Amino acid sequence: MMHYMDEGAESLARAIGARVRQERNARGWTLDQLAKSAGVSRRMVVNVEQGLVNPSVGSLLRLSDALGVGLPSLVEPPVSKVAKVTRSEDGAVLWTGAAGGRGVLVAGTEPPDVVELWDWTLAPSEHHVSEAHAAGTRELLQVQRGTVTVEVDGHVHVLEAGDALTFFGDAEHSYSNPSHAPARFSLAVYEPGVGHAHRTQAPDA
């Protein structure tokens, strides 16, 4: 699924597109090879590389896993071993809800063991569905404000402010706000061995 952008997302889309193209070219892959490895359409890869669309988080995860770089590396190139500060409002907004909620990637590590730190807000009645991530992915979530319902592989968990949940992210899961007030939660995602299956050989043409 592709979301066409407002003006504020254009620079991020261009940066992601440049990184995808750079990583694909570094591996000597064609557009078709990357599309096949990631399980997305060739048109999606072309549009992402050209910065024409704001792809879903799921599509970005497929591309980053196929390239073996992890989602944080698509948003910003890896840096040297120094502390990196992300100021408030400088995170990468990778999901925007119809009512104004946001999924913001605020920090992340490089492969092979990738950790992502997210700041999520959900407006009343907003709902975000996440497809299953790579095997072994773990997620840790803590509600900062409001009520958040998390459904993991058919099991529903209702969390209030201060509550936390740890679960495997390699099954379909979703986050929703069932209340009439805004909700906010922090989310850490651990994905081990990113790119391991893609380092030894390129996908077939």
N, C-alpha and C. Protein backbone atom coordinates (compact mmCIF):
# COMPACT_ATOMS: atom_id res chain seq x y z
N MET A 1 0.84 -1.19 0.00
CA MET A 1 0.00 0.00 0.00
C MET A 1 0.88 1.24 0.00
N MET A 2 0.57 2.22 -0.86
CA MET A 2 1.35 3.43 -0.96
C MET A 2 0.49 4.62 -0.56
N HIS A 3 1.07 5.54 0.19
CA HIS A 3 0.36 6.72 0.62
C HIS A 3 0.99 7.92 -0.07
N TYR A 4 0.20 8.68 -0.83
CA TYR A 4 0.74 9.86 -1.48
C TYR A 4 0.93 10.95 -0.46
N MET A 5 1.98 11.76 -0.66
CA MET A 5 2.55 12.57 0.40
C MET A 5 1.98 13.96 0.44
N ASP A 6 2.06 14.53 1.64
CA ASP A 6 1.92 15.97 1.75
C ASP A 6 3.32 16.55 1.63
N GLU A 7 3.41 17.85 1.60
CA GLU A 7 4.69 18.52 1.34
C GLU A 7 5.74 18.18 2.39
N GLY A 8 5.31 18.02 3.64
CA GLY A 8 6.27 17.80 4.72
C GLY A 8 6.99 16.46 4.64
N ALA A 9 6.43 15.50 3.90
CA ALA A 9 7.04 14.17 3.83
C ALA A 9 7.96 14.00 2.63
N GLU A 10 8.03 15.00 1.76
CA GLU A 10 8.78 14.83 0.51
C GLU A 10 10.27 14.63 0.73
N SER A 11 10.87 15.40 1.64
CA SER A 11 12.32 15.27 1.84
C SER A 11 12.67 13.91 2.42
N LEU A 12 11.84 13.39 3.33
CA LEU A 12 12.08 12.06 3.88
C LEU A 12 11.96 11.00 2.79
N ALA A 13 10.94 11.12 1.95
CA ALA A 13 10.76 10.15 0.86
C ALA A 13 11.94 10.16 -0.09
N ARG A 14 12.46 11.34 -0.38
CA ARG A 14 13.63 11.43 -1.27
C ARG A 14 14.86 10.79 -0.63
N ALA A 15 15.04 11.03 0.68
CA ALA A 15 16.18 10.45 1.39
C ALA A 15 16.09 8.93 1.41
N ILE A 16 14.90 8.40 1.69
CA ILE A 16 14.72 6.95 1.70
C ILE A 16 14.97 6.38 0.31
N GLY A 17 14.45 7.05 -0.72
CA GLY A 17 14.64 6.59 -2.09
C GLY A 17 16.11 6.53 -2.47
N ALA A 18 16.86 7.54 -2.07
CA ALA A 18 18.30 7.56 -2.38
C ALA A 18 19.03 6.42 -1.69
N ARG A 19 18.64 6.14 -0.43
CA ARG A 19 19.28 5.05 0.31
C ARG A 19 18.95 3.70 -0.32
N VAL A 20 17.70 3.49 -0.70
CA VAL A 20 17.32 2.22 -1.33
C VAL A 20 18.10 2.02 -2.62
N ARG A 21 18.17 3.06 -3.44
CA ARG A 21 18.90 2.96 -4.71
C ARG A 21 20.39 2.70 -4.47
N GLN A 22 20.96 3.40 -3.47
CA GLN A 22 22.38 3.21 -3.15
C GLN A 22 22.66 1.78 -2.71
N GLU A 23 21.83 1.26 -1.82
CA GLU A 23 22.05 -0.11 -1.32
C GLU A 23 21.82 -1.14 -2.42
N ARG A 24 20.82 -0.91 -3.26
CA ARG A 24 20.56 -1.85 -4.37
C ARG A 24 21.74 -1.86 -5.34
N ASN A 25 22.22 -0.68 -5.71
CA ASN A 25 23.34 -0.60 -6.65
C ASN A 25 24.62 -1.20 -6.05
N ALA A 26 24.81 -1.03 -4.74
CA ALA A 26 26.00 -1.58 -4.08
C ALA A 26 26.02 -3.10 -4.17
N ARG A 27 24.84 -3.71 -4.26
CA ARG A 27 24.75 -5.16 -4.37
C ARG A 27 24.68 -5.64 -5.83
N GLY A 28 24.62 -4.70 -6.74
CA GLY A 28 24.55 -5.06 -8.15
C GLY A 28 23.21 -5.67 -8.53
N TRP A 29 22.17 -5.32 -7.80
CA TRP A 29 20.84 -5.87 -8.06
C TRP A 29 20.07 -5.00 -9.03
N THR A 30 19.26 -5.64 -9.84
CA THR A 30 18.32 -4.92 -10.69
C THR A 30 17.08 -4.56 -9.86
N LEU A 31 16.25 -3.70 -10.42
CA LEU A 31 14.97 -3.38 -9.77
C LEU A 31 14.15 -4.63 -9.56
N ASP A 32 14.15 -5.51 -10.55
CA ASP A 32 13.36 -6.74 -10.45
C ASP A 32 13.89 -7.66 -9.36
N GLN A 33 15.21 -7.73 -9.22
CA GLN A 33 15.79 -8.59 -8.18
C GLN A 33 15.39 -8.09 -6.79
N LEU A 34 15.47 -6.79 -6.56
CA LEU A 34 15.09 -6.26 -5.25
C LEU A 34 13.59 -6.48 -5.00
N ALA A 35 12.78 -6.23 -6.01
CA ALA A 35 11.34 -6.42 -5.86
C ALA A 35 11.01 -7.86 -5.48
N LYS A 36 11.66 -8.81 -6.16
CA LYS A 36 11.41 -10.22 -5.87
C LYS A 36 11.86 -10.59 -4.46
N SER A 37 13.05 -10.14 -4.08
CA SER A 37 13.57 -10.47 -2.76
C SER A 37 12.71 -9.87 -1.65
N ALA A 38 12.19 -8.66 -1.88
CA ALA A 38 11.40 -7.97 -0.86
C ALA A 38 9.93 -8.38 -0.89
N GLY A 39 9.50 -9.03 -1.97
CA GLY A 39 8.09 -9.41 -2.06
C GLY A 39 7.18 -8.22 -2.33
N VAL A 40 7.70 -7.23 -3.07
CA VAL A 40 6.89 -6.08 -3.46
C VAL A 40 6.95 -5.97 -4.98
N SER A 41 6.11 -5.09 -5.52
CA SER A 41 6.08 -4.93 -6.97
C SER A 41 7.26 -4.11 -7.46
N ARG A 42 7.62 -4.30 -8.73
CA ARG A 42 8.68 -3.49 -9.34
C ARG A 42 8.27 -2.02 -9.32
N ARG A 43 7.00 -1.76 -9.56
CA ARG A 43 6.51 -0.38 -9.56
C ARG A 43 6.73 0.27 -8.19
N MET A 44 6.53 -0.50 -7.12
CA MET A 44 6.76 0.03 -5.78
C MET A 44 8.22 0.44 -5.61
N VAL A 45 9.15 -0.43 -6.04
CA VAL A 45 10.57 -0.12 -5.91
C VAL A 45 10.92 1.13 -6.69
N VAL A 46 10.42 1.24 -7.92
CA VAL A 46 10.69 2.41 -8.75
C VAL A 46 10.18 3.68 -8.07
N ASN A 47 8.94 3.63 -7.59
CA ASN A 47 8.35 4.81 -6.96
C ASN A 47 9.09 5.20 -5.68
N VAL A 48 9.50 4.19 -4.89
CA VAL A 48 10.25 4.49 -3.66
C VAL A 48 11.59 5.13 -4.02
N GLU A 49 12.32 4.54 -4.97
CA GLU A 49 13.64 5.08 -5.32
C GLU A 49 13.55 6.49 -5.88
N GLN A 50 12.46 6.81 -6.55
CA GLN A 50 12.29 8.14 -7.11
C GLN A 50 11.69 9.12 -6.11
N GLY A 51 11.36 8.63 -4.89
CA GLY A 51 10.81 9.50 -3.87
C GLY A 51 9.42 10.01 -4.20
N LEU A 52 8.67 9.22 -4.97
CA LEU A 52 7.36 9.67 -5.43
C LEU A 52 6.24 9.35 -4.45
N VAL A 53 6.47 8.40 -3.57
CA VAL A 53 5.41 7.97 -2.65
C VAL A 53 5.98 7.82 -1.24
N ASN A 54 5.08 7.80 -0.28
CA ASN A 54 5.43 7.50 1.10
C ASN A 54 4.93 6.08 1.36
N PRO A 55 5.79 5.06 1.23
CA PRO A 55 5.34 3.67 1.36
C PRO A 55 4.95 3.35 2.80
N SER A 56 4.19 2.29 2.94
CA SER A 56 3.79 1.86 4.27
C SER A 56 5.01 1.37 5.05
N VAL A 57 4.86 1.33 6.38
CA VAL A 57 5.94 0.81 7.22
C VAL A 57 6.25 -0.64 6.83
N GLY A 58 5.22 -1.41 6.52
CA GLY A 58 5.42 -2.80 6.12
C GLY A 58 6.28 -2.93 4.87
N SER A 59 6.02 -2.07 3.88
CA SER A 59 6.82 -2.11 2.65
C SER A 59 8.26 -1.70 2.91
N LEU A 60 8.46 -0.70 3.76
CA LEU A 60 9.82 -0.28 4.10
C LEU A 60 10.57 -1.39 4.82
N LEU A 61 9.88 -2.11 5.71
CA LEU A 61 10.51 -3.23 6.41
C LEU A 61 10.91 -4.33 5.42
N ARG A 62 10.05 -4.60 4.45
CA ARG A 62 10.37 -5.62 3.44
C ARG A 62 11.62 -5.23 2.66
N LEU A 63 11.68 -3.96 2.26
CA LEU A 63 12.84 -3.49 1.49
C LEU A 63 14.11 -3.50 2.33
N SER A 64 14.02 -3.01 3.56
CA SER A 64 15.22 -2.96 4.40
C SER A 64 15.71 -4.35 4.75
N ASP A 65 14.79 -5.27 5.00
CA ASP A 65 15.20 -6.65 5.30
C ASP A 65 15.85 -7.30 4.08
N ALA A 66 15.27 -7.07 2.90
CA ALA A 66 15.83 -7.65 1.68
C ALA A 66 17.24 -7.13 1.42
N LEU A 67 17.46 -5.84 1.71
CA LEU A 67 18.77 -5.24 1.50
C LEU A 67 19.74 -5.55 2.64
N GLY A 68 19.20 -6.06 3.75
CA GLY A 68 20.05 -6.43 4.87
C GLY A 68 20.59 -5.26 5.65
N VAL A 69 19.84 -4.14 5.68
CA VAL A 69 20.36 -2.95 6.35
C VAL A 69 19.54 -2.52 7.56
N GLY A 70 18.31 -3.00 7.69
CA GLY A 70 17.46 -2.57 8.80
C GLY A 70 16.78 -1.25 8.49
N LEU A 71 15.58 -1.08 9.03
CA LEU A 71 14.79 0.11 8.76
C LEU A 71 15.49 1.41 9.15
N PRO A 72 16.16 1.51 10.31
CA PRO A 72 16.82 2.78 10.66
C PRO A 72 17.82 3.24 9.61
N SER A 73 18.50 2.30 8.94
CA SER A 73 19.50 2.67 7.95
C SER A 73 18.88 3.22 6.68
N LEU A 74 17.61 2.92 6.42
CA LEU A 74 16.95 3.53 5.27
C LEU A 74 16.58 4.97 5.55
N VAL A 75 16.30 5.26 6.80
CA VAL A 75 15.91 6.61 7.18
C VAL A 75 17.12 7.53 7.25
N GLU A 76 18.24 6.99 7.74
CA GLU A 76 19.46 7.79 7.87
C GLU A 76 20.66 6.88 7.75
N PRO A 77 21.68 7.26 7.01
CA PRO A 77 22.86 6.41 6.86
C PRO A 77 23.51 6.12 8.21
N PRO A 78 24.13 4.94 8.35
CA PRO A 78 24.82 4.61 9.59
C PRO A 78 25.91 5.65 9.90
N VAL A 79 26.13 5.89 11.18
CA VAL A 79 27.13 6.87 11.60
C VAL A 79 28.25 6.14 12.34
N SER A 80 29.33 6.85 12.58
CA SER A 80 30.44 6.28 13.33
C SER A 80 30.01 6.06 14.77
N LYS A 81 30.90 5.43 15.53
CA LYS A 81 30.56 5.06 16.91
C LYS A 81 30.62 6.25 17.85
N VAL A 82 29.71 7.17 17.63
CA VAL A 82 29.56 8.32 18.52
C VAL A 82 28.10 8.42 18.92
N ALA A 83 27.85 9.11 20.01
CA ALA A 83 26.46 9.30 20.44
C ALA A 83 25.73 10.17 19.43
N LYS A 84 24.48 9.82 19.17
CA LYS A 84 23.67 10.58 18.21
C LYS A 84 22.41 11.06 18.92
N VAL A 85 22.18 12.35 18.86
CA VAL A 85 21.00 12.95 19.47
C VAL A 85 19.95 13.20 18.40
N THR A 86 18.72 12.78 18.67
CA THR A 86 17.58 13.14 17.82
C THR A 86 16.70 14.07 18.63
N ARG A 87 16.64 15.32 18.23
CA ARG A 87 15.86 16.30 18.96
C ARG A 87 14.36 16.06 18.76
N SER A 88 13.59 16.56 19.71
CA SER A 88 12.15 16.46 19.62
C SER A 88 11.67 17.01 18.29
N GLU A 89 10.76 16.28 17.66
CA GLU A 89 10.18 16.62 16.36
C GLU A 89 11.13 16.38 15.19
N ASP A 90 12.33 15.80 15.44
CA ASP A 90 13.25 15.51 14.34
C ASP A 90 13.23 14.05 13.91
N GLY A 91 12.39 13.23 14.55
CA GLY A 91 12.31 11.83 14.16
C GLY A 91 11.67 11.67 12.80
N ALA A 92 11.80 10.47 12.22
CA ALA A 92 11.23 10.18 10.90
C ALA A 92 9.78 9.73 11.05
N VAL A 93 8.86 10.51 10.52
CA VAL A 93 7.43 10.18 10.58
C VAL A 93 7.15 9.18 9.47
N LEU A 94 7.00 7.90 9.83
CA LEU A 94 6.82 6.84 8.84
C LEU A 94 5.38 6.35 8.75
N TRP A 95 4.51 6.81 9.64
CA TRP A 95 3.09 6.50 9.55
C TRP A 95 2.29 7.70 10.02
N THR A 96 1.25 8.04 9.27
CA THR A 96 0.35 9.12 9.65
C THR A 96 -1.08 8.60 9.57
N GLY A 97 -1.81 8.70 10.66
CA GLY A 97 -3.18 8.24 10.69
C GLY A 97 -4.13 9.25 10.08
N ALA A 98 -5.30 8.76 9.69
CA ALA A 98 -6.29 9.63 9.05
C ALA A 98 -6.75 10.75 9.95
N ALA A 99 -6.68 10.54 11.28
CA ALA A 99 -7.14 11.55 12.24
C ALA A 99 -5.98 12.31 12.88
N GLY A 100 -4.76 12.11 12.37
CA GLY A 100 -3.63 12.87 12.86
C GLY A 100 -2.63 12.13 13.72
N GLY A 101 -2.85 10.85 14.00
CA GLY A 101 -1.87 10.06 14.74
C GLY A 101 -0.59 9.91 13.95
N ARG A 102 0.50 9.56 14.64
CA ARG A 102 1.78 9.43 13.97
C ARG A 102 2.60 8.29 14.56
N GLY A 103 3.33 7.63 13.69
CA GLY A 103 4.35 6.67 14.11
C GLY A 103 5.70 7.23 13.74
N VAL A 104 6.51 7.59 14.74
CA VAL A 104 7.77 8.29 14.50
C VAL A 104 8.94 7.41 14.93
N LEU A 105 9.81 7.09 14.00
CA LEU A 105 11.04 6.37 14.32
C LEU A 105 12.05 7.38 14.84
N VAL A 106 12.36 7.32 16.13
CA VAL A 106 13.21 8.35 16.74
C VAL A 106 14.67 7.92 16.89
N ALA A 107 14.93 6.62 16.89
CA ALA A 107 16.31 6.15 17.03
C ALA A 107 16.39 4.71 16.55
N GLY A 108 17.60 4.29 16.19
CA GLY A 108 17.78 2.92 15.74
C GLY A 108 19.24 2.55 15.65
N THR A 109 19.51 1.25 15.58
CA THR A 109 20.87 0.75 15.48
C THR A 109 21.08 0.08 14.13
N GLU A 110 22.34 -0.20 13.81
CA GLU A 110 22.68 -0.83 12.55
C GLU A 110 22.59 -2.35 12.66
N PRO A 111 22.53 -3.05 11.53
CA PRO A 111 22.51 -4.51 11.55
C PRO A 111 23.85 -5.06 12.04
N PRO A 112 23.89 -6.33 12.44
CA PRO A 112 22.86 -7.34 12.19
C PRO A 112 21.71 -7.38 13.19
N ASP A 113 21.93 -6.94 14.41
CA ASP A 113 20.86 -6.98 15.41
C ASP A 113 20.31 -5.56 15.56
N VAL A 114 19.18 -5.33 14.90
CA VAL A 114 18.63 -3.98 14.79
C VAL A 114 17.63 -3.72 15.91
N VAL A 115 17.76 -2.58 16.55
CA VAL A 115 16.80 -2.12 17.55
C VAL A 115 16.23 -0.79 17.07
N GLU A 116 14.91 -0.69 17.07
CA GLU A 116 14.23 0.54 16.68
C GLU A 116 13.48 1.09 17.88
N LEU A 117 13.50 2.40 18.05
CA LEU A 117 12.73 3.06 19.10
C LEU A 117 11.74 4.00 18.44
N TRP A 118 10.45 3.79 18.75
CA TRP A 118 9.36 4.53 18.13
C TRP A 118 8.58 5.33 19.17
N ASP A 119 8.03 6.46 18.72
CA ASP A 119 7.10 7.26 19.51
C ASP A 119 5.78 7.31 18.72
N TRP A 120 4.77 6.66 19.26
CA TRP A 120 3.48 6.55 18.57
C TRP A 120 2.41 7.38 19.26
N THR A 121 1.60 8.05 18.47
CA THR A 121 0.38 8.68 18.97
C THR A 121 -0.79 8.19 18.13
N LEU A 122 -1.90 7.94 18.80
CA LEU A 122 -3.12 7.50 18.12
C LEU A 122 -4.26 8.42 18.54
N ALA A 123 -4.93 9.00 17.56
CA ALA A 123 -6.12 9.78 17.85
C ALA A 123 -7.25 8.83 18.23
N PRO A 124 -8.32 9.33 18.84
CA PRO A 124 -9.45 8.46 19.19
C PRO A 124 -9.93 7.65 17.99
N SER A 125 -10.11 6.35 18.21
CA SER A 125 -10.61 5.39 17.21
C SER A 125 -9.61 5.06 16.11
N GLU A 126 -8.39 5.59 16.17
CA GLU A 126 -7.41 5.22 15.14
C GLU A 126 -6.90 3.81 15.37
N HIS A 127 -6.46 3.19 14.26
CA HIS A 127 -6.08 1.77 14.27
C HIS A 127 -4.94 1.59 13.27
N HIS A 128 -3.90 0.89 13.68
CA HIS A 128 -2.79 0.59 12.78
C HIS A 128 -2.51 -0.90 12.81
N VAL A 129 -2.52 -1.53 11.63
CA VAL A 129 -2.25 -2.96 11.52
C VAL A 129 -0.84 -3.15 10.99
N SER A 130 -0.06 -4.01 11.64
CA SER A 130 1.30 -4.32 11.21
C SER A 130 1.37 -5.78 10.80
N GLU A 131 1.90 -6.01 9.61
CA GLU A 131 2.08 -7.40 9.19
C GLU A 131 3.18 -8.05 10.02
N ALA A 132 3.25 -9.37 9.95
CA ALA A 132 4.26 -10.09 10.70
C ALA A 132 5.66 -9.69 10.25
N HIS A 133 6.54 -9.45 11.22
CA HIS A 133 7.93 -9.12 10.92
C HIS A 133 8.75 -10.40 10.79
N ALA A 134 10.05 -10.25 10.61
CA ALA A 134 10.93 -11.40 10.46
C ALA A 134 10.91 -12.27 11.71
N ALA A 135 11.19 -13.55 11.52
CA ALA A 135 11.19 -14.50 12.64
C ALA A 135 12.13 -14.03 13.74
N GLY A 136 11.68 -14.11 14.99
CA GLY A 136 12.49 -13.74 16.13
C GLY A 136 12.33 -12.29 16.57
N THR A 137 11.58 -11.50 15.81
CA THR A 137 11.38 -10.09 16.17
C THR A 137 10.62 -9.99 17.48
N ARG A 138 11.10 -9.13 18.38
CA ARG A 138 10.43 -8.87 19.65
C ARG A 138 10.03 -7.40 19.71
N GLU A 139 8.91 -7.13 20.37
CA GLU A 139 8.46 -5.76 20.55
C GLU A 139 8.15 -5.51 22.03
N LEU A 140 8.54 -4.33 22.50
CA LEU A 140 8.27 -3.91 23.87
C LEU A 140 7.55 -2.57 23.80
N LEU A 141 6.40 -2.50 24.43
CA LEU A 141 5.54 -1.32 24.31
C LEU A 141 5.15 -0.83 25.70
N GLN A 142 5.18 0.48 25.92
CA GLN A 142 4.67 1.05 27.16
C GLN A 142 3.78 2.25 26.82
N VAL A 143 2.59 2.25 27.42
CA VAL A 143 1.65 3.34 27.20
C VAL A 143 2.03 4.53 28.07
N GLN A 144 2.16 5.69 27.45
CA GLN A 144 2.49 6.92 28.16
C GLN A 144 1.23 7.71 28.53
N ARG A 145 0.21 7.63 27.67
CA ARG A 145 -1.01 8.40 27.90
C ARG A 145 -2.18 7.70 27.23
N GLY A 146 -3.33 7.69 27.90
CA GLY A 146 -4.54 7.14 27.30
C GLY A 146 -4.62 5.63 27.39
N THR A 147 -5.40 5.06 26.49
CA THR A 147 -5.64 3.62 26.43
C THR A 147 -5.24 3.10 25.05
N VAL A 148 -4.51 2.00 25.04
CA VAL A 148 -4.09 1.38 23.78
C VAL A 148 -4.47 -0.10 23.82
N THR A 149 -5.13 -0.56 22.77
CA THR A 149 -5.44 -1.97 22.62
C THR A 149 -4.47 -2.58 21.62
N VAL A 150 -3.77 -3.62 22.05
CA VAL A 150 -2.82 -4.31 21.19
C VAL A 150 -3.35 -5.72 20.93
N GLU A 151 -3.50 -6.06 19.66
CA GLU A 151 -3.92 -7.42 19.30
C GLU A 151 -2.74 -8.12 18.65
N VAL A 152 -2.36 -9.27 19.19
CA VAL A 152 -1.23 -10.04 18.69
C VAL A 152 -1.68 -11.45 18.38
N ASP A 153 -1.67 -11.79 17.11
CA ASP A 153 -2.02 -13.15 16.70
C ASP A 153 -3.36 -13.60 17.30
N GLY A 154 -4.34 -12.69 17.30
CA GLY A 154 -5.68 -13.02 17.78
C GLY A 154 -5.93 -12.78 19.25
N HIS A 155 -4.89 -12.43 20.02
CA HIS A 155 -5.04 -12.18 21.45
C HIS A 155 -5.06 -10.68 21.71
N VAL A 156 -6.06 -10.21 22.47
CA VAL A 156 -6.26 -8.78 22.69
C VAL A 156 -5.76 -8.39 24.08
N HIS A 157 -4.99 -7.29 24.13
CA HIS A 157 -4.47 -6.76 25.39
C HIS A 157 -4.86 -5.29 25.48
N VAL A 158 -5.56 -4.92 26.55
CA VAL A 158 -5.97 -3.53 26.77
C VAL A 158 -5.02 -2.93 27.80
N LEU A 159 -4.33 -1.87 27.41
CA LEU A 159 -3.29 -1.27 28.24
C LEU A 159 -3.65 0.17 28.58
N GLU A 160 -3.45 0.53 29.84
CA GLU A 160 -3.66 1.90 30.30
C GLU A 160 -2.30 2.56 30.53
N ALA A 161 -2.31 3.86 30.81
CA ALA A 161 -1.06 4.60 31.03
C ALA A 161 -0.20 3.91 32.09
N GLY A 162 1.06 3.68 31.76
CA GLY A 162 1.98 3.01 32.66
C GLY A 162 2.10 1.52 32.40
N ASP A 163 1.10 0.92 31.76
CA ASP A 163 1.16 -0.51 31.46
C ASP A 163 2.16 -0.78 30.33
N ALA A 164 2.74 -1.98 30.36
CA ALA A 164 3.72 -2.37 29.34
C ALA A 164 3.39 -3.76 28.82
N LEU A 165 3.86 -4.05 27.62
CA LEU A 165 3.61 -5.35 26.99
C LEU A 165 4.85 -5.75 26.20
N THR A 166 5.24 -7.01 26.33
CA THR A 166 6.31 -7.59 25.53
C THR A 166 5.72 -8.72 24.70
N PHE A 167 6.01 -8.72 23.39
CA PHE A 167 5.43 -9.76 22.55
C PHE A 167 6.32 -10.02 21.34
N PHE A 168 6.07 -11.15 20.69
CA PHE A 168 6.78 -11.48 19.46
C PHE A 168 6.11 -10.76 18.30
N GLY A 169 6.91 -10.06 17.52
CA GLY A 169 6.37 -9.30 16.39
C GLY A 169 6.35 -10.09 15.10
N ASP A 170 6.64 -11.40 15.15
CA ASP A 170 6.63 -12.18 13.92
C ASP A 170 5.28 -12.82 13.64
N ALA A 171 4.23 -12.24 14.22
CA ALA A 171 2.84 -12.58 13.88
C ALA A 171 2.13 -11.26 13.62
N GLU A 172 1.05 -11.29 12.87
CA GLU A 172 0.32 -10.05 12.59
C GLU A 172 -0.16 -9.44 13.90
N HIS A 173 -0.04 -8.12 14.00
CA HIS A 173 -0.44 -7.44 15.22
C HIS A 173 -0.96 -6.05 14.88
N SER A 174 -1.66 -5.44 15.83
CA SER A 174 -2.22 -4.12 15.58
C SER A 174 -2.27 -3.32 16.87
N TYR A 175 -2.30 -2.00 16.69
CA TYR A 175 -2.44 -1.07 17.81
C TYR A 175 -3.65 -0.19 17.53
N SER A 176 -4.49 0.02 18.53
CA SER A 176 -5.66 0.87 18.33
C SER A 176 -5.96 1.64 19.60
N ASN A 177 -6.67 2.75 19.41
CA ASN A 177 -7.09 3.59 20.51
C ASN A 177 -8.62 3.53 20.59
N PRO A 178 -9.15 2.78 21.56
CA PRO A 178 -10.61 2.59 21.64
C PRO A 178 -11.32 3.72 22.37
N SER A 179 -10.58 4.68 22.90
CA SER A 179 -11.17 5.69 23.77
C SER A 179 -11.50 6.97 22.99
N HIS A 180 -11.99 7.96 23.73
CA HIS A 180 -12.32 9.26 23.13
C HIS A 180 -11.24 10.29 23.40
N ALA A 181 -10.09 9.86 23.92
CA ALA A 181 -8.98 10.76 24.21
C ALA A 181 -7.74 10.27 23.46
N PRO A 182 -6.80 11.16 23.14
CA PRO A 182 -5.58 10.74 22.45
C PRO A 182 -4.78 9.74 23.29
N ALA A 183 -4.02 8.92 22.61
CA ALA A 183 -3.16 7.94 23.28
C ALA A 183 -1.75 8.07 22.73
N ARG A 184 -0.79 7.76 23.60
CA ARG A 184 0.62 7.82 23.19
C ARG A 184 1.36 6.65 23.80
N PHE A 185 2.24 6.02 23.02
CA PHE A 185 3.03 4.93 23.57
C PHE A 185 4.42 4.90 22.94
N SER A 186 5.37 4.38 23.73
CA SER A 186 6.72 4.13 23.24
C SER A 186 6.81 2.68 22.81
N LEU A 187 7.54 2.44 21.73
CA LEU A 187 7.66 1.09 21.20
C LEU A 187 9.11 0.82 20.82
N ALA A 188 9.66 -0.27 21.34
CA ALA A 188 10.99 -0.73 20.94
C ALA A 188 10.83 -2.03 20.16
N VAL A 189 11.50 -2.12 19.03
CA VAL A 189 11.44 -3.31 18.18
C VAL A 189 12.85 -3.87 18.03
N TYR A 190 13.00 -5.16 18.35
CA TYR A 190 14.30 -5.84 18.22
C TYR A 190 14.18 -6.88 17.12
N GLU A 191 15.01 -6.73 16.09
CA GLU A 191 15.00 -7.68 14.98
C GLU A 191 16.40 -8.26 14.82
N PRO A 192 16.59 -9.52 15.24
CA PRO A 192 17.94 -10.11 15.20
C PRO A 192 18.31 -10.59 13.80
N GLY A 193 19.60 -10.53 13.50
CA GLY A 193 20.12 -11.15 12.27
C GLY A 193 19.60 -10.55 10.99
N VAL A 194 19.39 -9.23 10.96
CA VAL A 194 18.89 -8.59 9.74
C VAL A 194 19.90 -8.77 8.61
N GLY A 195 19.40 -9.23 7.47
CA GLY A 195 20.24 -9.36 6.29
C GLY A 195 21.04 -10.64 6.22
N HIS A 196 20.94 -11.48 7.24
CA HIS A 196 21.76 -12.70 7.26
C HIS A 196 21.50 -13.56 6.04
N ALA A 197 20.24 -13.69 5.66
CA ALA A 197 19.89 -14.56 4.53
C ALA A 197 20.22 -13.92 3.19
N HIS A 198 20.56 -12.62 3.19
CA HIS A 198 20.78 -11.93 1.92
C HIS A 198 22.24 -11.60 1.68
N ARG A 199 23.13 -11.97 2.60
CA ARG A 199 24.53 -11.59 2.44
C ARG A 199 25.31 -12.52 1.51
N THR A 200 24.87 -13.76 1.39
CA THR A 200 25.66 -14.73 0.65
C THR A 200 25.38 -14.73 -0.84
N GLN A 201 24.16 -14.33 -1.24
CA GLN A 201 23.84 -14.37 -2.66
C GLN A 201 22.71 -13.39 -2.96
N ALA A 202 22.74 -12.91 -4.19
CA ALA A 202 21.66 -12.04 -4.64
C ALA A 202 20.47 -12.89 -5.05
N PRO A 203 19.27 -12.34 -5.02
CA PRO A 203 18.12 -13.11 -5.48
C PRO A 203 18.21 -13.35 -6.97
N ASP A 204 17.55 -14.39 -7.43
CA ASP A 204 17.57 -14.70 -8.86
C ASP A 204 16.95 -13.56 -9.65
N ALA A 205 17.45 -13.36 -10.84
CA ALA A 205 16.92 -12.30 -11.70
C ALA A 205 15.51 -12.65 -12.14
